[in-house]
Amino acid sequence: MMDSTTVAGLVIARAEDDNPGIIFSGGQYSHRESVAMAAQRAAWLLAMRRPGPFHLAVLSDNSLDYPLWLEAAAMVGAAVVGANPTHRGEELARDLAHTECQLLVVSEEYFPLVDGFHLGDALGVVERESDRVFIPGSSDAADALRPFGDTHASDVVDQTITPNTLGYLLFTSGTSGAPKAVICSQGRLAGIAGVLPQMMGLGHNDVFYCAMPLFHSNALMANWGPSLAAGGALALPSTGKFSASGFLPDVREFGVTYFNYVGKPLSYILATPEQPDDADTTLTTCFGNEGAHDDVAKFGQRFGCVVSENYGSSEGGANVNRTPDTPPGALGRAPEGTVVLDPETGVECPPARFGPGGALLNAEECIGELVSRTGGATFEGYWQNTEAVNARVRDGQYWTGDLAYRDEAGFFYFAGRDFDWLRVDGENFAAAPIERILQRHPSILLAAVYAVPDEHIGDQVMAALEIVPGHDLDAQEFVEFLSVQEDLGTKWAPKYLRLTHDLPKTATSKVVKKALRAERWNSDETILWRPGKDLSYEALDHATIARLNEATASRVL
């Protein structure tokens, strides 16, 4: 008998449930209907299975077929590989070959991304005629499923599935380097899925709006899995993916009560024109991470809901949770054994000290890497990547790769990724505190701060600023804004500004800083700079760009 300790158990528990299971534009399926359709797909998976890792890649937006394949794979013990459609060419081919996929579900829209590619020995060359490839909605797909039309969940569910059964291979965002495939067992996802509804007070009457991509851990762990565990309905966005302008219409059409996010969706939704009836919806609860502190407060007020933020790694090694007394800008409190360590010495960093206006006085000594001294036990590893595993877990401690600092009261603050250190005039500091300050400006939607080479030694601060639609950034007014920010460190004012209306982002709205760092000041977009030490910006001309490129040609960050 399957139970709630596995995802397969969560699926089977819905096999006779006539409550809404999946809601989509124009219709809905009950849980009973969705499990029946998933069982049909599960039978196809078993018929197509070959020796070796039972891995199924799904390359699609949040289509109706995606959750059906998630349910199908869970029932037969296949691992779903979340293929990222923002990856291209050899990068995408490497993802699928590395994870040894033997079957591929790919939407018509994304088939050209893999057409003709050899994706490893198990999957071979991708062709429309291949029996290893399933294109939802095609006549071949309908023919492939037809023999399994009368399949019931009890006919296909693998009774040998345990909490340790591999359930998912989820690629990290790759904002700083090559993506790694995070291992997630059925037991880990089922455990998270069971806890979140209890924590957020969600049940079978709730509608879980899943706008974050289902190939990412946030959607699986904060939406799809919890919707199964709670018996609620999964609502799929009308466009198949997150849309700021489509958010509120979807909430109203589907009767959404719960929304999860990661990254910057709150910022984009808040940038849409405000309407007097924005709070007149069914939405009550939002849960996510990496939202700007001001946006969290504004979103809750504007849309009449409660927004809860937390910090958690896809790998499951560490977490920090916001509490009611969490001060502005802080992540919250963490379980016992969570510390900030100097990555070079392994010594715990001293608490942060703050000056007037909240200025961080001892950034160089208080910022280190966020580490869980017990997290090594919950981290399940990366697929076929021992080097990356050893970088994460050292001496039984889980090193997150994220920079942080902690105040005297024990509240943690995010300071960026481990590549977000800058060293200007001999002083070390992190990017995230600067980004939080810049995003206070009413014309700046998002700010990405990163290091570029100084002409002589060390780094300079560069900030790429995504401007609010319909706004402009006046250089003199921006200088006046910087001059009154009491918590802006003396070395923190950006040397270079890149003005844009579209920062490069992953599918989960995380800014891809490696692309910005590589381009530096070489862009067709507007680049401003401060030629001297004073706060005064002017356009960067071609002659200066050429000189900077020559002076820093050998510098790689």
Protein backbone atom coordinates (compact mmCIF):
# COMPACT_ATOMS: atom_id res chain seq x y z
CA MET A 1 0.00 0.00 0.00
CA MET A 2 1.49 3.33 -1.11
CA ASP A 3 1.63 6.12 1.48
CA SER A 4 2.46 9.81 1.67
CA THR A 5 6.20 9.20 2.14
CA THR A 6 6.59 8.96 -1.65
CA VAL A 7 5.27 11.06 -4.52
CA ALA A 8 3.80 7.89 -6.00
CA GLY A 9 1.75 7.59 -2.82
CA LEU A 10 0.54 11.17 -3.13
CA VAL A 11 -0.61 10.48 -6.70
CA ILE A 12 -2.39 7.21 -5.87
CA ALA A 13 -4.21 8.95 -3.00
CA ARG A 14 -5.94 11.14 -5.63
CA ALA A 15 -7.03 8.28 -7.93
CA GLU A 16 -10.63 8.31 -6.63
CA ASP A 17 -10.80 12.05 -5.82
CA ASP A 18 -13.44 13.92 -7.81
CA ASN A 19 -12.38 17.38 -6.61
CA PRO A 20 -10.72 19.66 -9.20
CA GLY A 21 -7.17 18.51 -9.88
CA ILE A 22 -5.92 20.59 -12.82
CA ILE A 23 -7.43 23.89 -13.94
CA PHE A 24 -6.46 25.42 -17.26
CA SER A 25 -7.76 28.08 -19.60
CA GLY A 26 -11.09 26.82 -20.83
CA GLY A 27 -11.59 23.83 -18.57
CA GLN A 28 -10.52 21.56 -15.75
CA TYR A 29 -9.92 17.91 -14.85
CA SER A 30 -10.69 16.23 -11.56
CA HIS A 31 -7.93 14.44 -9.70
CA ARG A 32 -9.55 11.16 -10.76
CA GLU A 33 -9.35 12.17 -14.43
CA SER A 34 -5.77 13.45 -14.24
CA VAL A 35 -4.53 10.28 -12.50
CA ALA A 36 -6.28 8.18 -15.15
CA MET A 37 -4.58 10.11 -17.96
CA ALA A 38 -1.28 9.85 -16.09
CA ALA A 39 -1.73 6.08 -15.77
CA GLN A 40 -2.09 5.83 -19.55
CA ARG A 41 1.23 7.65 -19.93
CA ALA A 42 2.79 5.52 -17.20
CA ALA A 43 1.92 2.40 -19.20
CA TRP A 44 3.64 3.89 -22.24
CA LEU A 45 6.73 4.60 -20.14
CA LEU A 46 6.87 0.98 -18.99
CA ALA A 47 6.43 -0.28 -22.55
CA MET A 48 9.27 1.94 -23.78
CA ARG A 49 11.66 1.31 -20.89
CA ARG A 50 15.13 0.07 -21.73
CA PRO A 51 17.96 -1.16 -19.48
CA GLY A 52 19.84 1.58 -17.66
CA PRO A 53 18.71 4.69 -15.76
CA PHE A 54 14.95 5.14 -16.14
CA HIS A 55 15.15 8.86 -16.92
CA LEU A 56 12.49 10.89 -18.76
CA ALA A 57 13.24 14.43 -19.95
CA VAL A 58 10.37 16.89 -20.28
CA LEU A 59 11.05 19.97 -22.43
CA SER A 60 7.98 22.17 -22.27
CA ASP A 61 6.35 25.20 -20.72
CA ASN A 62 3.71 24.55 -18.05
CA SER A 63 1.39 22.82 -20.48
CA LEU A 64 -1.46 20.51 -19.50
CA ASP A 65 0.73 17.51 -20.33
CA TYR A 66 3.53 18.44 -17.92
CA PRO A 67 1.81 17.55 -14.61
CA LEU A 68 0.43 14.37 -16.23
CA TRP A 69 3.96 13.21 -17.01
CA LEU A 70 5.07 14.11 -13.49
CA GLU A 71 2.32 11.90 -12.09
CA ALA A 72 3.05 9.13 -14.60
CA ALA A 73 6.77 9.05 -13.84
CA ALA A 74 6.13 9.00 -10.10
CA MET A 75 3.88 5.96 -10.36
CA VAL A 76 6.44 3.83 -12.23
CA GLY A 77 9.56 5.09 -10.48
CA ALA A 78 11.01 7.00 -13.43
CA ALA A 79 13.09 10.10 -12.75
CA VAL A 80 11.96 13.29 -14.47
CA VAL A 81 14.74 15.47 -15.86
CA GLY A 82 13.63 19.07 -15.93
CA ALA A 83 14.91 20.29 -19.29
CA ASN A 84 15.37 24.05 -19.42
CA PRO A 85 13.99 25.57 -22.66
CA THR A 86 16.10 28.70 -22.20
CA HIS A 87 19.19 26.56 -22.82
CA ARG A 88 20.24 26.25 -26.43
CA GLY A 89 22.40 24.13 -28.72
CA GLU A 90 25.25 22.22 -27.17
CA GLU A 91 24.29 23.38 -23.67
CA LEU A 92 20.86 21.75 -23.90
CA ALA A 93 22.32 18.65 -25.57
CA ARG A 94 24.83 18.34 -22.77
CA ASP A 95 22.06 18.55 -20.14
CA LEU A 96 20.11 15.66 -21.65
CA ALA A 97 23.10 13.48 -22.50
CA HIS A 98 24.70 14.02 -19.08
CA THR A 99 21.54 12.87 -17.28
CA GLU A 100 21.30 9.74 -19.47
CA CYS A 101 17.73 10.34 -20.62
CA GLN A 102 16.19 7.44 -22.52
CA LEU A 103 12.87 9.16 -23.32
CA LEU A 104 11.96 12.72 -24.25
CA VAL A 105 8.64 14.55 -24.03
CA VAL A 106 9.00 17.78 -25.99
CA SER A 107 6.38 20.33 -26.98
CA GLU A 108 5.92 21.25 -30.64
CA GLU A 109 7.20 24.73 -29.83
CA TYR A 110 10.52 23.46 -28.49
CA PHE A 111 11.09 20.51 -30.83
CA PRO A 112 13.35 22.61 -33.15
CA LEU A 113 15.75 23.06 -30.20
CA VAL A 114 16.60 19.35 -30.26
CA ASP A 115 15.72 18.27 -33.81
CA GLY A 116 18.60 16.18 -35.18
CA PHE A 117 20.70 16.35 -32.02
CA HIS A 118 22.36 13.22 -30.65
CA LEU A 119 21.39 13.33 -27.00
CA GLY A 120 23.39 10.41 -25.59
CA ASP A 121 23.45 6.67 -26.14
CA ALA A 122 20.13 6.05 -24.38
CA LEU A 123 18.09 8.59 -26.36
CA GLY A 124 20.08 8.70 -29.59
CA VAL A 125 19.29 11.11 -32.41
CA VAL A 126 16.10 13.12 -31.96
CA GLU A 127 13.72 12.71 -34.90
CA ARG A 128 9.97 13.05 -35.20
CA GLU A 129 9.73 9.40 -36.19
CA SER A 130 11.69 8.19 -33.17
CA ASP A 131 9.74 6.04 -30.74
CA ARG A 132 11.84 7.59 -27.95
CA VAL A 133 10.31 11.01 -28.57
CA PHE A 134 6.78 12.06 -27.55
CA ILE A 135 5.33 15.31 -28.93
CA PRO A 136 2.07 16.11 -27.06
CA GLY A 137 -0.82 16.91 -29.39
CA SER A 138 0.67 15.17 -32.42
CA SER A 139 -1.02 12.29 -34.22
CA ASP A 140 1.95 10.07 -33.38
CA ALA A 141 1.48 10.84 -29.69
CA ALA A 142 -2.20 9.91 -29.84
CA ASP A 143 -1.31 6.65 -31.62
CA ALA A 144 1.35 5.86 -29.01
CA LEU A 145 -1.11 6.22 -26.10
CA ARG A 146 -4.11 4.55 -27.71
CA PRO A 147 -3.18 0.96 -26.70
CA PHE A 148 -3.08 2.02 -23.05
CA GLY A 149 -6.44 3.80 -22.91
CA ASP A 150 -7.98 1.46 -20.31
CA THR A 151 -5.04 1.51 -17.91
CA HIS A 152 -5.78 2.13 -14.23
CA ALA A 153 -3.29 3.49 -11.74
CA SER A 154 -3.31 0.18 -9.85
CA ASP A 155 -2.18 -1.58 -13.05
CA VAL A 156 1.05 0.38 -13.35
CA VAL A 157 2.11 1.66 -9.94
CA ASP A 158 5.41 0.15 -8.83
CA GLN A 159 4.93 -1.20 -5.31
CA THR A 160 8.72 -1.35 -4.78
CA ILE A 161 9.04 2.45 -4.80
CA THR A 162 10.50 3.81 -1.56
CA PRO A 163 11.31 7.31 -0.28
CA ASN A 164 14.84 6.76 -1.61
CA THR A 165 13.65 6.21 -5.19
CA LEU A 166 15.16 8.82 -7.49
CA GLY A 167 12.38 11.16 -8.54
CA TYR A 168 13.91 14.22 -10.18
CA LEU A 169 17.09 15.64 -11.66
CA LEU A 170 16.76 19.41 -11.44
CA PHE A 171 19.32 21.67 -13.03
CA THR A 172 20.69 24.60 -11.08
CA SER A 173 20.09 27.98 -12.70
CA GLY A 174 23.57 28.27 -14.18
CA THR A 175 23.77 32.02 -13.50
CA SER A 176 27.45 31.69 -12.55
CA GLY A 177 28.71 28.51 -14.24
CA ALA A 178 27.72 25.22 -15.86
CA PRO A 179 24.40 23.94 -14.50
CA LYS A 180 24.49 20.88 -12.23
CA ALA A 181 21.74 18.27 -11.97
CA VAL A 182 20.49 18.22 -8.39
CA ILE A 183 19.32 14.81 -7.18
CA CYS A 184 15.91 14.81 -5.51
CA SER A 185 14.31 11.61 -4.23
CA GLN A 186 10.59 10.94 -4.11
CA GLY A 187 10.86 11.00 -0.32
CA ARG A 188 12.42 14.47 -0.15
CA LEU A 189 9.80 16.01 -2.43
CA ALA A 190 6.95 14.20 -0.67
CA GLY A 191 8.19 15.42 2.72
CA ILE A 192 8.35 19.04 1.57
CA ALA A 193 4.98 18.67 -0.16
CA GLY A 194 3.38 17.52 3.07
CA VAL A 195 4.84 20.23 5.28
CA LEU A 196 4.08 23.31 3.19
CA PRO A 197 0.25 23.02 3.22
CA GLN A 198 0.34 22.63 7.01
CA MET A 199 2.66 25.60 7.35
CA MET A 200 0.56 27.81 5.04
CA GLY A 201 -2.88 26.53 6.03
CA LEU A 202 -3.73 25.14 2.57
CA GLY A 203 -6.24 22.39 1.83
CA HIS A 204 -8.42 20.72 -0.80
CA ASN A 205 -10.41 23.90 -1.48
CA ASP A 206 -7.32 25.88 -2.49
CA VAL A 207 -6.21 26.65 -6.03
CA PHE A 208 -2.42 26.58 -6.50
CA TYR A 209 -1.35 28.90 -9.34
CA CYS A 210 1.77 27.43 -10.96
CA ALA A 211 3.39 30.15 -13.05
CA MET A 212 6.97 29.22 -12.15
CA PRO A 213 8.46 26.66 -14.60
CA LEU A 214 7.87 23.04 -13.67
CA PHE A 215 11.43 22.09 -14.59
CA HIS A 216 12.58 24.08 -11.53
CA SER A 217 12.56 22.98 -7.90
CA ASN A 218 10.47 25.97 -6.77
CA ALA A 219 7.46 24.90 -8.84
CA LEU A 220 7.72 21.26 -7.80
CA MET A 221 8.38 21.85 -4.09
CA ALA A 222 6.25 24.93 -3.50
CA ASN A 223 3.33 24.19 -5.82
CA TRP A 224 2.81 20.90 -7.69
CA GLY A 225 3.84 18.61 -4.82
CA PRO A 226 1.91 20.56 -2.14
CA SER A 227 -1.19 20.71 -4.36
CA LEU A 228 -1.19 16.89 -4.49
CA ALA A 229 -0.55 16.54 -0.77
CA ALA A 230 -3.33 19.01 0.10
CA GLY A 231 -5.75 17.69 -2.50
CA GLY A 232 -6.05 21.16 -4.01
CA ALA A 233 -6.21 22.15 -7.66
CA LEU A 234 -3.17 22.98 -9.79
CA ALA A 235 -3.90 26.04 -11.98
CA LEU A 236 -1.74 26.43 -15.09
CA PRO A 237 -1.09 29.91 -16.53
CA SER A 238 -3.01 30.75 -19.68
CA THR A 239 0.22 31.47 -21.55
CA GLY A 240 2.05 28.41 -20.22
CA LYS A 241 4.53 30.58 -18.35
CA PHE A 242 4.71 33.57 -16.02
CA SER A 243 3.23 36.77 -17.36
CA ALA A 244 3.01 39.93 -15.28
CA SER A 245 0.09 41.28 -17.31
CA GLY A 246 -1.64 37.89 -17.30
CA PHE A 247 -1.27 37.29 -13.57
CA LEU A 248 -4.39 39.04 -12.28
CA PRO A 249 -6.70 37.86 -15.10
CA ASP A 250 -5.60 34.27 -14.39
CA VAL A 251 -6.14 34.72 -10.65
CA ARG A 252 -9.69 35.86 -11.31
CA GLU A 253 -10.50 33.26 -13.98
CA PHE A 254 -9.23 30.29 -11.96
CA GLY A 255 -10.19 31.46 -8.46
CA VAL A 256 -6.56 31.28 -7.36
CA THR A 257 -5.95 31.33 -3.61
CA TYR A 258 -2.21 30.55 -3.50
CA PHE A 259 0.75 31.70 -5.60
CA ASN A 260 4.43 30.77 -5.34
CA TYR A 261 7.40 32.59 -6.85
CA VAL A 262 11.16 32.72 -7.02
CA GLY A 263 13.23 35.70 -8.11
CA LYS A 264 11.60 38.86 -9.40
CA PRO A 265 7.95 38.13 -10.36
CA LEU A 266 6.63 40.38 -7.59
CA SER A 267 8.62 43.30 -9.05
CA TYR A 268 7.19 42.73 -12.51
CA ILE A 269 3.61 42.37 -11.31
CA LEU A 270 3.92 45.54 -9.22
CA ALA A 271 5.18 47.39 -12.32
CA THR A 272 1.84 46.81 -14.08
CA PRO A 273 -0.66 49.70 -13.87
CA GLU A 274 -2.38 49.77 -10.50
CA GLN A 275 -6.15 49.39 -10.48
CA PRO A 276 -8.61 50.21 -7.66
CA ASP A 277 -9.89 46.60 -7.55
CA ASP A 278 -6.49 44.86 -7.43
CA ALA A 279 -7.26 43.44 -3.99
CA ASP A 280 -10.71 42.22 -5.02
CA THR A 281 -9.69 38.62 -5.76
CA THR A 282 -9.64 35.16 -4.17
CA LEU A 283 -5.86 35.34 -3.62
CA THR A 284 -4.93 34.97 0.06
CA THR A 285 -1.42 33.52 0.24
CA CYS A 286 1.92 33.93 -1.55
CA PHE A 287 5.08 32.03 -0.77
CA GLY A 288 8.53 32.43 -2.29
CA ASN A 289 12.06 33.64 -2.05
CA GLU A 290 14.43 36.29 -3.40
CA GLY A 291 11.77 38.97 -3.59
CA ALA A 292 12.89 42.50 -2.71
CA HIS A 293 11.86 43.43 0.85
CA ASP A 294 9.93 46.51 -0.25
CA ASP A 295 8.15 44.49 -2.96
CA VAL A 296 6.99 41.89 -0.44
CA ALA A 297 5.27 44.57 1.63
CA LYS A 298 3.84 46.41 -1.40
CA PHE A 299 2.51 43.23 -3.00
CA GLY A 300 0.66 42.14 0.12
CA GLN A 301 -0.91 45.57 0.55
CA ARG A 302 -1.88 46.04 -3.10
CA PHE A 303 -3.36 42.57 -3.67
CA GLY A 304 -4.78 41.99 -0.20
CA CYS A 305 -2.83 38.84 0.58
CA VAL A 306 -0.16 37.55 2.95
CA VAL A 307 3.31 37.15 1.41
CA SER A 308 5.75 34.81 3.17
CA GLU A 309 9.43 34.77 2.18
CA ASN A 310 12.01 32.13 2.92
CA TYR A 311 15.46 31.08 1.81
CA GLY A 312 16.17 27.54 0.68
CA SER A 313 18.62 25.92 -1.69
CA SER A 314 17.44 23.58 -4.47
CA GLU A 315 19.82 21.03 -3.01
CA GLY A 316 17.98 21.06 0.33
CA GLY A 317 21.09 21.64 2.40
CA ALA A 318 20.08 24.87 4.16
CA ASN A 319 17.09 27.05 4.83
CA VAL A 320 16.23 30.35 6.52
CA ASN A 321 12.65 31.33 7.38
CA ARG A 322 11.13 34.74 7.87
CA THR A 323 9.52 35.36 11.25
CA PRO A 324 7.08 38.13 12.25
CA ASP A 325 9.89 40.06 13.96
CA THR A 326 12.31 39.84 11.02
CA PRO A 327 13.82 43.31 10.43
CA PRO A 328 13.68 45.01 7.02
CA GLY A 329 16.13 43.53 4.53
CA ALA A 330 16.77 40.35 6.51
CA LEU A 331 16.00 36.79 5.40
CA GLY A 332 14.92 35.65 8.86
CA ARG A 333 16.11 33.04 11.33
CA ALA A 334 17.66 29.66 10.61
CA PRO A 335 17.74 26.28 12.35
CA GLU A 336 20.42 25.57 14.94
CA GLY A 337 23.75 24.90 13.29
CA THR A 338 23.35 27.46 10.49
CA VAL A 339 26.33 29.83 10.53
CA VAL A 340 28.31 32.31 8.45
CA LEU A 341 31.89 31.14 7.93
CA ASP A 342 34.97 32.64 6.35
CA PRO A 343 35.37 30.41 3.26
CA GLU A 344 39.16 30.55 3.49
CA THR A 345 39.67 29.85 7.18
CA GLY A 346 36.41 28.11 8.13
CA VAL A 347 36.15 30.43 11.14
CA GLU A 348 32.75 31.88 12.03
CA CYS A 349 32.39 35.52 11.02
CA PRO A 350 31.56 38.10 13.72
CA PRO A 351 28.08 39.66 13.84
CA ALA A 352 27.28 42.60 11.60
CA ARG A 353 27.45 46.10 13.04
CA PHE A 354 25.18 48.85 11.71
CA GLY A 355 25.61 52.59 11.73
CA PRO A 356 23.27 55.52 11.00
CA GLY A 357 20.62 54.70 8.43
CA GLY A 358 21.42 51.01 8.64
CA ALA A 359 24.87 51.30 7.05
CA LEU A 360 26.84 48.05 7.33
CA LEU A 361 30.03 49.06 9.16
CA ASN A 362 32.06 45.85 9.08
CA ALA A 363 31.19 44.25 5.73
CA GLU A 364 34.67 42.89 5.12
CA GLU A 365 34.74 40.87 8.33
CA CYS A 366 31.07 39.96 8.85
CA ILE A 367 30.22 38.68 5.35
CA GLY A 368 31.04 35.06 4.66
CA GLU A 369 29.46 31.94 3.21
CA LEU A 370 26.18 30.61 4.60
CA VAL A 371 26.85 27.12 5.95
CA SER A 372 24.69 24.46 7.57
CA ARG A 373 26.64 22.25 9.93
CA THR A 374 23.92 19.59 9.61
CA GLY A 375 22.92 20.14 5.97
CA GLY A 376 25.25 17.52 4.58
CA ALA A 377 22.82 14.84 5.73
CA THR A 378 19.87 16.20 3.69
CA PHE A 379 21.80 17.07 0.51
CA GLU A 380 21.32 14.16 -1.92
CA GLY A 381 24.08 15.14 -4.32
CA TYR A 382 24.50 16.00 -8.00
CA TRP A 383 24.12 13.47 -10.79
CA GLN A 384 27.53 12.12 -11.87
CA ASN A 385 29.43 15.13 -10.51
CA THR A 386 31.63 14.17 -7.58
CA GLU A 387 33.70 17.35 -7.85
CA ALA A 388 30.64 19.56 -7.38
CA VAL A 389 29.40 17.40 -4.48
CA ASN A 390 32.75 17.72 -2.72
CA ALA A 391 32.64 21.50 -3.17
CA ARG A 392 29.25 21.61 -1.43
CA VAL A 393 29.86 19.19 1.43
CA ARG A 394 33.09 19.45 3.38
CA ASP A 395 33.61 17.82 6.78
CA GLY A 396 29.90 17.07 6.98
CA GLN A 397 28.97 20.73 6.53
CA TYR A 398 26.87 22.03 3.65
CA TRP A 399 28.38 25.14 2.01
CA THR A 400 25.61 26.94 0.12
CA GLY A 401 27.73 29.08 -2.17
CA ASP A 402 25.73 32.08 -0.98
CA LEU A 403 27.19 35.07 0.84
CA ALA A 404 25.46 36.21 4.01
CA TYR A 405 25.90 38.02 7.30
CA ARG A 406 24.14 37.74 10.66
CA ASP A 407 23.27 40.42 13.18
CA GLU A 408 23.56 40.27 16.98
CA ALA A 409 19.95 39.07 17.29
CA GLY A 410 20.58 36.09 15.00
CA PHE A 411 18.84 37.35 11.86
CA PHE A 412 20.50 36.42 8.56
CA TYR A 413 20.94 38.75 5.58
CA PHE A 414 21.63 37.72 1.98
CA ALA A 415 24.74 39.26 0.42
CA GLY A 416 24.84 37.58 -3.00
CA ARG A 417 26.36 34.52 -4.58
CA ASP A 418 29.92 33.43 -3.90
CA PHE A 419 30.99 35.15 -7.14
CA ASP A 420 29.42 38.42 -5.95
CA TRP A 421 32.46 39.61 -4.00
CA LEU A 422 33.96 42.91 -5.12
CA ARG A 423 37.28 44.37 -4.05
CA VAL A 424 37.58 48.12 -4.61
CA ASP A 425 40.59 50.10 -3.36
CA GLY A 426 41.54 47.18 -1.12
CA GLU A 427 38.08 46.93 0.49
CA ASN A 428 35.95 43.76 0.13
CA PHE A 429 32.17 43.94 0.00
CA ALA A 430 29.20 42.11 -1.53
CA ALA A 431 26.76 43.00 -4.28
CA ALA A 432 23.36 42.33 -2.71
CA PRO A 433 23.34 45.23 -0.19
CA ILE A 434 24.10 47.66 -3.03
CA GLU A 435 21.33 46.18 -5.17
CA ARG A 436 18.82 46.65 -2.36
CA ILE A 437 19.75 50.35 -2.14
CA LEU A 438 19.59 50.98 -5.90
CA GLN A 439 16.16 49.34 -6.15
CA ARG A 440 14.73 51.99 -3.83
CA HIS A 441 14.84 54.42 -6.76
CA PRO A 442 11.34 54.73 -8.23
CA SER A 443 12.59 54.40 -11.82
CA ILE A 444 14.63 51.24 -11.21
CA LEU A 445 12.76 47.96 -11.49
CA LEU A 446 15.77 45.68 -10.96
CA ALA A 447 19.46 46.25 -10.25
CA ALA A 448 22.29 43.80 -10.89
CA VAL A 449 25.63 44.73 -9.33
CA TYR A 450 28.82 42.97 -10.35
CA ALA A 451 32.57 43.44 -10.53
CA VAL A 452 34.42 44.66 -13.61
CA PRO A 453 38.18 45.10 -13.76
CA ASP A 454 39.79 48.31 -12.60
CA GLU A 455 42.27 49.74 -15.09
CA HIS A 456 45.13 49.13 -12.65
CA ILE A 457 44.29 46.67 -9.89
CA GLY A 458 41.26 45.21 -8.16
CA ASP A 459 37.65 45.78 -9.20
CA GLN A 460 35.21 48.52 -9.94
CA VAL A 461 31.47 48.45 -9.31
CA MET A 462 29.19 48.15 -12.31
CA ALA A 463 25.40 48.16 -12.06
CA ALA A 464 23.00 47.12 -14.80
CA LEU A 465 19.68 48.84 -14.12
CA GLU A 466 16.39 47.66 -15.60
CA ILE A 467 14.27 50.77 -15.90
CA VAL A 468 10.56 50.75 -15.10
CA PRO A 469 8.55 50.83 -18.36
CA GLY A 470 7.61 54.38 -19.24
CA HIS A 471 10.35 55.87 -17.01
CA ASP A 472 13.75 57.38 -17.70
CA LEU A 473 16.76 57.67 -15.41
CA ASP A 474 18.10 61.21 -15.15
CA ALA A 475 21.82 61.09 -14.30
CA GLN A 476 21.82 64.17 -12.09
CA GLU A 477 18.70 63.11 -10.23
CA PHE A 478 20.28 59.66 -9.71
CA VAL A 479 23.36 61.32 -8.18
CA GLU A 480 21.11 63.24 -5.80
CA PHE A 481 19.38 59.97 -4.89
CA LEU A 482 22.71 58.27 -4.11
CA SER A 483 23.92 61.19 -2.02
CA VAL A 484 21.08 60.79 0.51
CA GLN A 485 21.34 57.00 0.97
CA GLU A 486 22.84 56.84 4.45
CA ASP A 487 23.65 53.13 4.20
CA LEU A 488 25.58 53.40 0.93
CA GLY A 489 29.18 52.42 1.66
CA THR A 490 31.93 54.82 0.67
CA LYS A 491 33.17 52.46 -2.07
CA TRP A 492 29.74 51.24 -3.18
CA ALA A 493 28.60 53.92 -5.64
CA PRO A 494 28.74 52.31 -9.11
CA LYS A 495 31.61 53.37 -11.32
CA TYR A 496 29.65 52.23 -14.39
CA LEU A 497 25.90 52.17 -15.09
CA ARG A 498 24.25 50.14 -17.82
CA LEU A 499 20.70 51.27 -18.53
CA THR A 500 18.41 48.63 -19.98
CA HIS A 501 14.77 47.66 -20.27
CA ASP A 502 15.46 43.92 -20.19
CA LEU A 503 18.18 42.34 -18.05
CA PRO A 504 19.29 38.86 -19.16
CA LYS A 505 17.44 36.38 -16.95
CA THR A 506 16.88 32.68 -16.49
CA ALA A 507 13.42 31.17 -16.82
CA THR A 508 13.00 31.73 -13.07
CA SER A 509 13.75 35.47 -13.36
CA LYS A 510 17.25 35.26 -11.91
CA VAL A 511 19.65 37.72 -13.53
CA VAL A 512 22.45 36.04 -15.50
CA LYS A 513 25.38 38.04 -14.21
CA LYS A 514 28.02 35.97 -16.01
CA ALA A 515 26.76 37.44 -19.30
CA LEU A 516 26.86 40.99 -17.91
CA ARG A 517 30.34 40.53 -16.47
CA ALA A 518 31.59 39.15 -19.77
CA GLU A 519 30.23 42.14 -21.74
CA ARG A 520 31.43 44.74 -19.20
CA TRP A 521 30.97 48.15 -20.86
CA ASN A 522 30.84 46.70 -24.42
CA SER A 523 27.15 47.07 -25.15
CA ASP A 524 24.84 48.90 -27.53
CA GLU A 525 22.81 49.99 -24.53
CA THR A 526 23.45 53.28 -22.73
CA ILE A 527 26.57 53.12 -20.54
CA LEU A 528 27.33 55.91 -18.06
CA TRP A 529 30.46 56.21 -15.93
CA ARG A 530 32.16 58.34 -13.31
CA PRO A 531 35.51 59.48 -14.74
CA GLY A 532 36.73 60.64 -11.33
CA LYS A 533 36.07 60.04 -7.66
CA ASP A 534 33.16 62.46 -7.39
CA LEU A 535 29.52 61.48 -7.91
CA SER A 536 29.05 62.67 -11.46
CA TYR A 537 28.07 60.50 -14.43
CA GLU A 538 28.57 61.03 -18.14
CA ALA A 539 28.23 58.90 -21.27
CA LEU A 540 31.06 56.47 -21.92
CA ASP A 541 32.56 57.33 -25.32
CA HIS A 542 34.15 54.96 -27.86
CA ALA A 543 37.71 56.19 -27.24
CA THR A 544 37.40 55.50 -23.50
CA ILE A 545 35.90 52.07 -24.17
CA ALA A 546 38.85 51.19 -26.40
CA ARG A 547 41.29 52.32 -23.70
CA LEU A 548 39.48 50.34 -21.01
CA ASN A 549 39.44 47.21 -23.18
CA GLU A 550 43.16 47.49 -23.85
CA ALA A 551 44.01 48.08 -20.19
CA THR A 552 41.90 45.17 -18.94
CA ALA A 553 42.30 42.70 -21.82
CA SER A 554 44.13 40.14 -19.69
CA ARG A 555 41.81 40.48 -16.67
CA VAL A 556 39.27 37.67 -16.26
CA LEU A 557 36.73 37.79 -13.43
